[in-house]
Amino acid sequence: METQDIITAWFLTTGIQLLVVVLVALVAHVLAQHVIAQSIRRLVTRGRHSAEAEEKREETLIQVAQGAFAIIIWLIALLMVLSELGVAIGPLLAAAGVVGIAVGFGGQYLIRDLFTGFFIIVENQYRVGDTVCFDTTCGSVESISLRMTTLRDLDGTLHHVPHGEIRTVSNLSKFFSRINLDIGVAYDSDLEKVIAILNTVGTSLAEDVDWKEDIVKAPQFLRVDDFADSAIMLKIVGDTKPGKQWAVAGELRKRIKIAFDVAKIEIPFPQRVIRKG
C-alpha cells in the first residue's frame, strides 16, 4: 500500500474522528460560555447592592465559571484525542494519580490558593471592577480566577496576587465610598464662618448636575480634629457611590480653595524663621 493511500485512509478514519472531537469541543466551549453567562445572570438574586455592584458580581462569577468549564471541556477533548491516536488512557490516569500523590506536598500552596479563591468568590468579598488593597498592594480588580487575582494600580502596573498570599482584603468600593478630608485653617480664623463655608460648598457640590449622581451624602463639617503646629485641622466627611470618592474629593478641594480665597481665609503651611547672629 502506497504512502499516499495510507495517509488518505488515516484522514478518512482517524483524522475525521479527531476533527469531530475538536469541533465538538469547540462548539461545547462556545455554548458553555453562553449558557453559563445567561444562567448566572438569571440565578444571581438582586440584593441591597446597586445595579452596578450586582453587575460586577455577576461578571466575576461568570469569569470564574467559564474558565473552570473550559478547562474541563478541553481536558476531556485531549483525552479523547489521545485515545483515538492509540495512546492508552488508563496507564496515563494511573500515572497521573501517582504523580499527584508525589507532588501533593509541593502542591499544598496551590491547593491553599484554590480554597481561598473559592471562599473569596462565594463570600463576595470583591468583584471584577472593584478597587481593593491586599496588604501593601492596591489597584482595580481586572480578573479573578480560583488561583489568583489580577490588580492594576494607578501607575498601570499589573499585579498577579495568589489568593493564598492574601491576609487582609480592604475593599474601597463596596456598597458606598466615603470622603474623609482634613482641611487646615489659621488659628485666627472665624471658625463659625469657616464651617458655614465648608457646609455650603459641600451642599452646592452635591446639588451640582454634573456631580449629584455620584454623591450619596453631601460632604459636611464633622468636627475640629486637631490643633496642629500651624493650623486648626477640620474634618469633612461625605458618602459617594462606590469608587467615586477620589474624583468627588478632588472637586471638593478645588471648590474649597476657591471659596477660601474669596472669603480671605488662610490655609496655612509650615514656616521657619531663620535669624542671623
C-alpha atoms as a PDB file:
ATOM      1  CA  MET A   1       0.000   0.000   0.000  1.00  0.00           C
ATOM      2  CA  GLU A   2       1.420   3.330  -1.021  1.00  0.00           C
ATOM      3  CA  THR A   3       2.182   6.069   1.489  1.00  0.00           C
ATOM      4  CA  GLN A   4      -0.416   8.356  -0.078  1.00  0.00           C
ATOM      5  CA  ASP A   5      -3.079   5.684   0.306  1.00  0.00           C
ATOM      6  CA  ILE A   6      -2.112   5.156   3.946  1.00  0.00           C
ATOM      7  CA  ILE A   7      -2.326   8.889   4.684  1.00  0.00           C
ATOM      8  CA  THR A   8      -5.672   9.139   2.864  1.00  0.00           C
ATOM      9  CA  ALA A   9      -7.062   6.177   4.776  1.00  0.00           C
ATOM     10  CA  TRP A  10      -5.867   7.706   8.073  1.00  0.00           C
ATOM     11  CA  PHE A  11      -7.533  11.028   7.276  1.00  0.00           C
ATOM     12  CA  LEU A  12     -10.786   9.290   6.299  1.00  0.00           C
ATOM     13  CA  THR A  13     -10.907   7.369   9.572  1.00  0.00           C
ATOM     14  CA  THR A  14      -8.849   8.639  12.481  1.00  0.00           C
ATOM     15  CA  GLY A  15      -8.373  12.129  11.020  1.00  0.00           C
ATOM     16  CA  ILE A  16     -12.111  12.715  10.656  1.00  0.00           C
ATOM     17  CA  GLN A  17     -12.726  11.424  14.180  1.00  0.00           C
ATOM     18  CA  LEU A  18     -10.100  13.777  15.592  1.00  0.00           C
ATOM     19  CA  LEU A  19     -11.601  16.671  13.670  1.00  0.00           C
ATOM     20  CA  VAL A  20     -15.048  15.808  15.008  1.00  0.00           C
ATOM     21  CA  VAL A  21     -13.704  15.700  18.577  1.00  0.00           C
ATOM     22  CA  VAL A  22     -12.078  19.133  18.200  1.00  0.00           C
ATOM     23  CA  LEU A  23     -15.165  20.651  16.559  1.00  0.00           C
ATOM     24  CA  VAL A  24     -17.478  19.221  19.218  1.00  0.00           C
ATOM     25  CA  ALA A  25     -15.177  20.535  21.945  1.00  0.00           C
ATOM     26  CA  LEU A  26     -15.121  23.967  20.286  1.00  0.00           C
ATOM     27  CA  VAL A  27     -18.918  24.064  19.979  1.00  0.00           C
ATOM     28  CA  ALA A  28     -19.295  22.861  23.572  1.00  0.00           C
ATOM     29  CA  HIS A  29     -16.875  25.543  24.713  1.00  0.00           C
ATOM     30  CA  VAL A  30     -18.796  28.325  22.942  1.00  0.00           C
ATOM     31  CA  LEU A  31     -22.187  27.027  24.123  1.00  0.00           C
ATOM     32  CA  ALA A  32     -20.947  26.591  27.691  1.00  0.00           C
ATOM     33  CA  GLN A  33     -19.672  30.181  27.757  1.00  0.00           C
ATOM     34  CA  HIS A  34     -23.085  31.454  26.608  1.00  0.00           C
ATOM     35  CA  VAL A  35     -25.173  29.178  28.852  1.00  0.00           C
ATOM     36  CA  ILE A  36     -23.059  29.937  31.917  1.00  0.00           C
ATOM     37  CA  ALA A  37     -23.328  33.696  31.372  1.00  0.00           C
ATOM     38  CA  GLN A  38     -27.094  33.577  30.877  1.00  0.00           C
ATOM     39  CA  SER A  39     -27.668  31.183  33.799  1.00  0.00           C
ATOM     40  CA  ILE A  40     -25.638  33.187  36.288  1.00  0.00           C
ATOM     41  CA  ARG A  41     -27.355  36.441  35.295  1.00  0.00           C
ATOM     42  CA  ARG A  42     -30.721  34.781  35.919  1.00  0.00           C
ATOM     43  CA  LEU A  43     -29.800  32.942  39.115  1.00  0.00           C
ATOM     44  CA  VAL A  44     -27.938  35.710  40.945  1.00  0.00           C
ATOM     45  CA  THR A  45     -30.519  37.454  43.112  1.00  0.00           C
ATOM     46  CA  ARG A  46     -30.636  41.200  43.399  1.00  0.00           C
ATOM     47  CA  GLY A  47     -29.908  42.215  46.978  1.00  0.00           C
ATOM     48  CA  ARG A  48     -29.252  45.540  48.604  1.00  0.00           C
ATOM     49  CA  HIS A  49     -26.363  46.166  46.238  1.00  0.00           C
ATOM     50  CA  SER A  50     -26.596  48.718  43.469  1.00  0.00           C
ATOM     51  CA  ALA A  51     -27.159  47.577  39.887  1.00  0.00           C
ATOM     52  CA  GLU A  52     -23.516  48.362  39.119  1.00  0.00           C
ATOM     53  CA  ALA A  53     -22.316  46.280  42.085  1.00  0.00           C
ATOM     54  CA  GLU A  54     -24.519  43.328  41.117  1.00  0.00           C
ATOM     55  CA  GLU A  55     -23.209  43.522  37.564  1.00  0.00           C
ATOM     56  CA  LYS A  56     -19.633  43.347  38.881  1.00  0.00           C
ATOM     57  CA  ARG A  57     -20.525  40.307  40.973  1.00  0.00           C
ATOM     58  CA  GLU A  58     -22.134  38.575  38.006  1.00  0.00           C
ATOM     59  CA  GLU A  59     -19.125  39.244  35.767  1.00  0.00           C
ATOM     60  CA  THR A  60     -16.802  37.817  38.419  1.00  0.00           C
ATOM     61  CA  LEU A  61     -18.829  34.612  38.794  1.00  0.00           C
ATOM     62  CA  ILE A  62     -19.176  34.270  35.008  1.00  0.00           C
ATOM     63  CA  GLN A  63     -15.429  34.697  34.501  1.00  0.00           C
ATOM     64  CA  VAL A  64     -14.507  32.034  37.061  1.00  0.00           C
ATOM     65  CA  ALA A  65     -17.187  29.530  35.970  1.00  0.00           C
ATOM     66  CA  GLN A  66     -16.339  29.905  32.281  1.00  0.00           C
ATOM     67  CA  GLY A  67     -12.650  29.345  32.995  1.00  0.00           C
ATOM     68  CA  ALA A  68     -13.351  26.187  35.022  1.00  0.00           C
ATOM     69  CA  PHE A  69     -15.683  24.686  32.400  1.00  0.00           C
ATOM     70  CA  ALA A  70     -13.236  25.493  29.595  1.00  0.00           C
ATOM     71  CA  ILE A  71     -10.513  23.527  31.386  1.00  0.00           C
ATOM     72  CA  ILE A  72     -12.847  20.529  31.874  1.00  0.00           C
ATOM     73  CA  ILE A  73     -14.057  20.529  28.242  1.00  0.00           C
ATOM     74  CA  TRP A  74     -10.595  20.729  26.685  1.00  0.00           C
ATOM     75  CA  LEU A  75      -9.155  18.190  29.127  1.00  0.00           C
ATOM     76  CA  ILE A  76     -11.824  15.690  28.070  1.00  0.00           C
ATOM     77  CA  ALA A  77     -11.159  16.517  24.415  1.00  0.00           C
ATOM     78  CA  LEU A  78      -7.428  15.948  24.921  1.00  0.00           C
ATOM     79  CA  LEU A  79      -8.050  12.525  26.468  1.00  0.00           C
ATOM     80  CA  MET A  80     -10.345  11.557  23.574  1.00  0.00           C
ATOM     81  CA  VAL A  81      -7.740  12.681  21.030  1.00  0.00           C
ATOM     82  CA  LEU A  82      -5.045  10.631  22.762  1.00  0.00           C
ATOM     83  CA  SER A  83      -7.377   7.644  22.811  1.00  0.00           C
ATOM     84  CA  GLU A  84      -8.023   7.997  19.052  1.00  0.00           C
ATOM     85  CA  LEU A  85      -4.276   8.163  18.446  1.00  0.00           C
ATOM     86  CA  GLY A  86      -3.893   4.829  20.198  1.00  0.00           C
ATOM     87  CA  VAL A  87      -2.464   6.115  23.454  1.00  0.00           C
ATOM     88  CA  ALA A  88      -3.611   4.027  26.425  1.00  0.00           C
ATOM     89  CA  ILE A  89      -5.507   6.390  28.737  1.00  0.00           C
ATOM     90  CA  GLY A  90      -5.697   4.024  31.739  1.00  0.00           C
ATOM     91  CA  PRO A  91      -1.957   3.960  32.479  1.00  0.00           C
ATOM     92  CA  LEU A  92      -1.791   7.719  31.968  1.00  0.00           C
ATOM     93  CA  LEU A  93      -4.558   8.303  34.518  1.00  0.00           C
ATOM     94  CA  ALA A  94      -2.904   5.877  36.947  1.00  0.00           C
ATOM     95  CA  ALA A  95       0.436   7.604  36.459  1.00  0.00           C
ATOM     96  CA  ALA A  96      -1.205  10.955  36.974  1.00  0.00           C
ATOM     97  CA  GLY A  97      -2.590   9.698  40.286  1.00  0.00           C
ATOM     98  CA  VAL A  98       0.843   8.548  41.433  1.00  0.00           C
ATOM     99  CA  VAL A  99       2.441  11.808  40.345  1.00  0.00           C
ATOM    100  CA  GLY A 100      -0.337  13.704  42.112  1.00  0.00           C
ATOM    101  CA  ILE A 101       0.457  11.944  45.360  1.00  0.00           C
ATOM    102  CA  ALA A 102       4.182  12.554  44.863  1.00  0.00           C
ATOM    103  CA  VAL A 103       3.756  16.275  44.350  1.00  0.00           C
ATOM    104  CA  GLY A 104       0.950  16.623  46.897  1.00  0.00           C
ATOM    105  CA  PHE A 105       3.200  18.187  49.472  1.00  0.00           C
ATOM    106  CA  GLY A 106       4.698  20.534  46.908  1.00  0.00           C
ATOM    107  CA  GLY A 107       1.232  21.473  45.657  1.00  0.00           C
ATOM    108  CA  GLN A 108      -0.108  22.458  49.051  1.00  0.00           C
ATOM    109  CA  TYR A 109       0.321  26.140  48.188  1.00  0.00           C
ATOM    110  CA  LEU A 110      -1.707  25.673  45.008  1.00  0.00           C
ATOM    111  CA  ILE A 111      -4.458  23.937  46.991  1.00  0.00           C
ATOM    112  CA  ARG A 112      -4.401  26.772  49.510  1.00  0.00           C
ATOM    113  CA  ASP A 113      -4.749  29.302  46.681  1.00  0.00           C
ATOM    114  CA  LEU A 114      -7.720  27.417  45.228  1.00  0.00           C
ATOM    115  CA  PHE A 115      -9.565  27.061  48.534  1.00  0.00           C
ATOM    116  CA  THR A 116      -9.011  30.691  49.450  1.00  0.00           C
ATOM    117  CA  GLY A 117     -10.157  31.771  45.994  1.00  0.00           C
ATOM    118  CA  PHE A 118     -13.301  29.676  46.331  1.00  0.00           C
ATOM    119  CA  PHE A 119     -14.291  31.389  49.585  1.00  0.00           C
ATOM    120  CA  ILE A 120     -13.419  34.837  48.224  1.00  0.00           C
ATOM    121  CA  ILE A 121     -15.876  34.289  45.379  1.00  0.00           C
ATOM    122  CA  VAL A 122     -18.603  32.621  47.454  1.00  0.00           C
ATOM    123  CA  GLU A 123     -18.446  35.309  50.156  1.00  0.00           C
ATOM    124  CA  ASN A 124     -18.441  38.040  47.500  1.00  0.00           C
ATOM    125  CA  GLN A 125     -15.529  39.822  49.175  1.00  0.00           C
ATOM    126  CA  TYR A 126     -14.745  41.734  45.984  1.00  0.00           C
ATOM    127  CA  ARG A 127     -15.587  41.613  42.296  1.00  0.00           C
ATOM    128  CA  VAL A 128     -14.121  42.499  38.926  1.00  0.00           C
ATOM    129  CA  GLY A 129     -14.002  46.297  38.733  1.00  0.00           C
ATOM    130  CA  ASP A 130     -13.700  46.872  42.498  1.00  0.00           C
ATOM    131  CA  THR A 131     -10.802  48.848  43.937  1.00  0.00           C
ATOM    132  CA  VAL A 132      -9.104  46.812  46.668  1.00  0.00           C
ATOM    133  CA  CYS A 133      -5.953  46.661  48.774  1.00  0.00           C
ATOM    134  CA  PHE A 134      -4.165  43.428  49.665  1.00  0.00           C
ATOM    135  CA  ASP A 135      -1.823  44.385  52.489  1.00  0.00           C
ATOM    136  CA  THR A 136       0.503  46.792  50.597  1.00  0.00           C
ATOM    137  CA  THR A 137      -0.780  46.092  47.051  1.00  0.00           C
ATOM    138  CA  CYS A 138      -3.698  48.203  45.819  1.00  0.00           C
ATOM    139  CA  GLY A 139      -5.448  48.516  42.484  1.00  0.00           C
ATOM    140  CA  SER A 140      -8.507  47.858  40.374  1.00  0.00           C
ATOM    141  CA  VAL A 141      -9.516  44.206  40.017  1.00  0.00           C
ATOM    142  CA  GLU A 142      -9.141  43.225  36.355  1.00  0.00           C
ATOM    143  CA  SER A 143      -9.691  39.488  36.660  1.00  0.00           C
ATOM    144  CA  ILE A 144     -10.310  36.773  39.240  1.00  0.00           C
ATOM    145  CA  SER A 145      -9.615  33.067  38.904  1.00  0.00           C
ATOM    146  CA  LEU A 146      -9.731  30.382  41.585  1.00  0.00           C
ATOM    147  CA  ARG A 147      -5.961  30.674  41.972  1.00  0.00           C
ATOM    148  CA  MET A 148      -5.215  34.392  41.851  1.00  0.00           C
ATOM    149  CA  THR A 149      -6.485  37.938  41.431  1.00  0.00           C
ATOM    150  CA  THR A 150      -5.038  40.425  38.952  1.00  0.00           C
ATOM    151  CA  LEU A 151      -4.844  44.076  40.030  1.00  0.00           C
ATOM    152  CA  ARG A 152      -3.822  47.148  38.034  1.00  0.00           C
ATOM    153  CA  ASP A 153      -2.618  50.126  40.067  1.00  0.00           C
ATOM    154  CA  LEU A 154      -2.697  53.836  39.198  1.00  0.00           C
ATOM    155  CA  ASP A 155       0.733  53.605  37.547  1.00  0.00           C
ATOM    156  CA  GLY A 156      -0.628  50.975  35.172  1.00  0.00           C
ATOM    157  CA  THR A 157       1.390  48.184  36.787  1.00  0.00           C
ATOM    158  CA  LEU A 158      -0.332  44.783  36.701  1.00  0.00           C
ATOM    159  CA  HIS A 159      -0.067  42.745  39.921  1.00  0.00           C
ATOM    160  CA  HIS A 160      -0.801  38.993  39.977  1.00  0.00           C
ATOM    161  CA  VAL A 161      -1.628  38.077  43.583  1.00  0.00           C
ATOM    162  CA  PRO A 162      -2.066  34.372  44.546  1.00  0.00           C
ATOM    163  CA  HIS A 163      -5.062  34.008  46.846  1.00  0.00           C
ATOM    164  CA  GLY A 164      -3.062  32.073  49.408  1.00  0.00           C
ATOM    165  CA  GLU A 165      -0.825  35.118  49.922  1.00  0.00           C
ATOM    166  CA  ILE A 166      -3.739  37.409  50.803  1.00  0.00           C
ATOM    167  CA  ARG A 167      -4.038  38.123  54.516  1.00  0.00           C
ATOM    168  CA  THR A 168      -6.209  41.237  54.573  1.00  0.00           C
ATOM    169  CA  VAL A 169      -8.665  42.439  51.925  1.00  0.00           C
ATOM    170  CA  SER A 170      -9.693  46.098  52.028  1.00  0.00           C
ATOM    171  CA  ASN A 171     -12.479  46.821  49.538  1.00  0.00           C
ATOM    172  CA  LEU A 172     -12.576  50.546  48.775  1.00  0.00           C
ATOM    173  CA  SER A 173     -15.638  50.398  46.519  1.00  0.00           C
ATOM    174  CA  LYS A 174     -18.288  48.133  48.051  1.00  0.00           C
ATOM    175  CA  PHE A 175     -21.810  49.410  48.837  1.00  0.00           C
ATOM    176  CA  PHE A 176     -20.578  53.014  49.125  1.00  0.00           C
ATOM    177  CA  SER A 177     -17.379  55.028  49.498  1.00  0.00           C
ATOM    178  CA  ARG A 178     -16.547  57.854  51.874  1.00  0.00           C
ATOM    179  CA  ILE A 179     -14.820  61.200  51.556  1.00  0.00           C
ATOM    180  CA  ASN A 180     -12.590  61.737  54.602  1.00  0.00           C
ATOM    181  CA  LEU A 181     -10.933  65.116  54.161  1.00  0.00           C
ATOM    182  CA  ASP A 182      -8.806  67.193  56.568  1.00  0.00           C
ATOM    183  CA  ILE A 183      -8.549  70.931  55.991  1.00  0.00           C
ATOM    184  CA  GLY A 184      -6.262  73.240  57.976  1.00  0.00           C
ATOM    185  CA  VAL A 185      -7.100  76.904  58.679  1.00  0.00           C
ATOM    186  CA  ALA A 186      -5.177  79.598  60.516  1.00  0.00           C
ATOM    187  CA  TYR A 187      -5.645  79.986  64.271  1.00  0.00           C
ATOM    188  CA  ASP A 188      -7.057  83.488  63.887  1.00  0.00           C
ATOM    189  CA  SER A 189      -9.829  82.287  61.529  1.00  0.00           C
ATOM    190  CA  ASP A 190     -13.505  82.674  62.446  1.00  0.00           C
ATOM    191  CA  LEU A 191     -14.413  79.022  62.867  1.00  0.00           C
ATOM    192  CA  GLU A 192     -18.163  79.531  62.560  1.00  0.00           C
ATOM    193  CA  LYS A 193     -17.637  81.332  59.262  1.00  0.00           C
ATOM    194  CA  VAL A 194     -15.259  78.628  58.037  1.00  0.00           C
ATOM    195  CA  ILE A 195     -17.710  75.855  58.979  1.00  0.00           C
ATOM    196  CA  ALA A 196     -20.559  77.650  57.204  1.00  0.00           C
ATOM    197  CA  ILE A 197     -18.451  77.960  54.032  1.00  0.00           C
ATOM    198  CA  LEU A 198     -17.444  74.277  54.133  1.00  0.00           C
ATOM    199  CA  ASN A 199     -21.045  73.145  54.507  1.00  0.00           C
ATOM    200  CA  THR A 200     -22.213  75.477  51.764  1.00  0.00           C
ATOM    201  CA  VAL A 201     -19.536  74.234  49.373  1.00  0.00           C
ATOM    202  CA  GLY A 202     -20.376  70.592  50.179  1.00  0.00           C
ATOM    203  CA  THR A 203     -24.099  71.121  49.668  1.00  0.00           C
ATOM    204  CA  SER A 204     -23.519  73.043  46.434  1.00  0.00           C
ATOM    205  CA  LEU A 205     -21.352  70.222  45.090  1.00  0.00           C
ATOM    206  CA  ALA A 206     -23.983  67.595  45.973  1.00  0.00           C
ATOM    207  CA  GLU A 207     -26.630  69.604  44.108  1.00  0.00           C
ATOM    208  CA  ASP A 208     -24.475  70.225  41.037  1.00  0.00           C
ATOM    209  CA  VAL A 209     -25.959  68.486  37.988  1.00  0.00           C
ATOM    210  CA  ASP A 210     -22.529  67.139  36.990  1.00  0.00           C
ATOM    211  CA  TRP A 211     -21.806  65.607  40.406  1.00  0.00           C
ATOM    212  CA  LYS A 212     -25.076  64.796  42.174  1.00  0.00           C
ATOM    213  CA  GLU A 213     -25.314  61.323  40.623  1.00  0.00           C
ATOM    214  CA  ASP A 214     -22.004  60.380  42.275  1.00  0.00           C
ATOM    215  CA  ILE A 215     -22.799  61.757  45.745  1.00  0.00           C
ATOM    216  CA  VAL A 216     -24.930  59.852  48.259  1.00  0.00           C
ATOM    217  CA  LYS A 217     -24.485  62.220  51.217  1.00  0.00           C
ATOM    218  CA  ALA A 218     -23.221  65.779  50.852  1.00  0.00           C
ATOM    219  CA  PRO A 219     -19.737  66.441  52.325  1.00  0.00           C
ATOM    220  CA  GLN A 220     -20.159  68.355  55.578  1.00  0.00           C
ATOM    221  CA  PHE A 221     -18.089  69.569  58.530  1.00  0.00           C
ATOM    222  CA  LEU A 222     -17.789  66.845  61.184  1.00  0.00           C
ATOM    223  CA  ARG A 223     -15.513  68.188  63.926  1.00  0.00           C
ATOM    224  CA  VAL A 224     -12.416  70.117  64.889  1.00  0.00           C
ATOM    225  CA  ASP A 225      -9.978  67.269  64.535  1.00  0.00           C
ATOM    226  CA  ASP A 226      -6.690  68.608  65.858  1.00  0.00           C
ATOM    227  CA  PHE A 227      -4.680  71.623  66.998  1.00  0.00           C
ATOM    228  CA  ALA A 228      -1.645  71.278  64.748  1.00  0.00           C
ATOM    229  CA  ASP A 229       1.573  73.306  64.882  1.00  0.00           C
ATOM    230  CA  SER A 230       0.413  75.950  62.426  1.00  0.00           C
ATOM    231  CA  ALA A 231      -3.270  75.188  61.769  1.00  0.00           C
ATOM    232  CA  ILE A 232      -6.588  74.126  63.226  1.00  0.00           C
ATOM    233  CA  MET A 233      -7.499  70.876  61.468  1.00  0.00           C
ATOM    234  CA  LEU A 234     -11.134  70.450  60.446  1.00  0.00           C
ATOM    235  CA  LYS A 235     -12.565  67.118  59.292  1.00  0.00           C
ATOM    236  CA  ILE A 236     -15.090  66.866  56.450  1.00  0.00           C
ATOM    237  CA  VAL A 237     -16.933  63.650  55.586  1.00  0.00           C
ATOM    238  CA  GLY A 238     -19.483  62.615  52.986  1.00  0.00           C
ATOM    239  CA  ASP A 239     -20.623  59.481  51.155  1.00  0.00           C
ATOM    240  CA  THR A 240     -20.331  58.750  47.444  1.00  0.00           C
ATOM    241  CA  LYS A 241     -21.147  55.931  45.119  1.00  0.00           C
ATOM    242  CA  PRO A 242     -18.537  53.127  45.103  1.00  0.00           C
ATOM    243  CA  GLY A 243     -15.209  54.239  43.651  1.00  0.00           C
ATOM    244  CA  LYS A 244     -16.245  57.882  43.185  1.00  0.00           C
ATOM    245  CA  GLN A 245     -14.661  59.255  46.369  1.00  0.00           C
ATOM    246  CA  TRP A 246     -11.394  60.341  44.742  1.00  0.00           C
ATOM    247  CA  ALA A 247     -12.981  62.343  41.938  1.00  0.00           C
ATOM    248  CA  VAL A 248     -15.502  63.981  44.278  1.00  0.00           C
ATOM    249  CA  ALA A 249     -12.829  64.768  46.886  1.00  0.00           C
ATOM    250  CA  GLY A 250     -10.656  66.404  44.204  1.00  0.00           C
ATOM    251  CA  GLU A 251     -13.515  68.642  43.063  1.00  0.00           C
ATOM    252  CA  LEU A 252     -14.358  69.454  46.692  1.00  0.00           C
ATOM    253  CA  ARG A 253     -10.772  70.554  47.412  1.00  0.00           C
ATOM    254  CA  LYS A 254     -10.821  72.814  44.365  1.00  0.00           C
ATOM    255  CA  ARG A 255     -14.079  74.467  45.380  1.00  0.00           C
ATOM    256  CA  ILE A 256     -12.977  74.913  48.996  1.00  0.00           C
ATOM    257  CA  LYS A 257      -9.774  76.618  47.864  1.00  0.00           C
ATOM    258  CA  ILE A 258     -11.729  78.993  45.614  1.00  0.00           C
ATOM    259  CA  ALA A 259     -14.259  79.751  48.383  1.00  0.00           C
ATOM    260  CA  PHE A 260     -11.470  80.376  50.933  1.00  0.00           C
ATOM    261  CA  ASP A 261      -9.708  82.743  48.524  1.00  0.00           C
ATOM    262  CA  VAL A 262     -12.919  84.753  48.083  1.00  0.00           C
ATOM    263  CA  ALA A 263     -13.518  84.881  51.855  1.00  0.00           C
ATOM    264  CA  LYS A 264      -9.793  85.588  52.519  1.00  0.00           C
ATOM    265  CA  ILE A 265      -9.450  82.546  54.761  1.00  0.00           C
ATOM    266  CA  GLU A 266      -5.864  81.402  55.056  1.00  0.00           C
ATOM    267  CA  ILE A 267      -4.804  77.795  54.576  1.00  0.00           C
ATOM    268  CA  PRO A 268      -1.504  77.901  56.495  1.00  0.00           C
ATOM    269  CA  PHE A 269       1.622  75.942  55.756  1.00  0.00           C
ATOM    270  CA  PRO A 270       4.656  75.211  57.951  1.00  0.00           C
ATOM    271  CA  GLN A 271       7.103  78.117  58.054  1.00  0.00           C
ATOM    272  CA  ARG A 272      10.569  78.519  59.550  1.00  0.00           C
ATOM    273  CA  VAL A 273      12.110  81.777  60.701  1.00  0.00           C
ATOM    274  CA  ILE A 274      15.924  81.979  60.443  1.00  0.00           C
ATOM    275  CA  ARG A 275      17.724  84.728  62.387  1.00  0.00           C
ATOM    276  CA  LYS A 276      21.263  85.759  61.578  1.00  0.00           C
ATOM    277  CA  GLY A 277      23.529  86.252  64.565  1.00  0.00           C
END
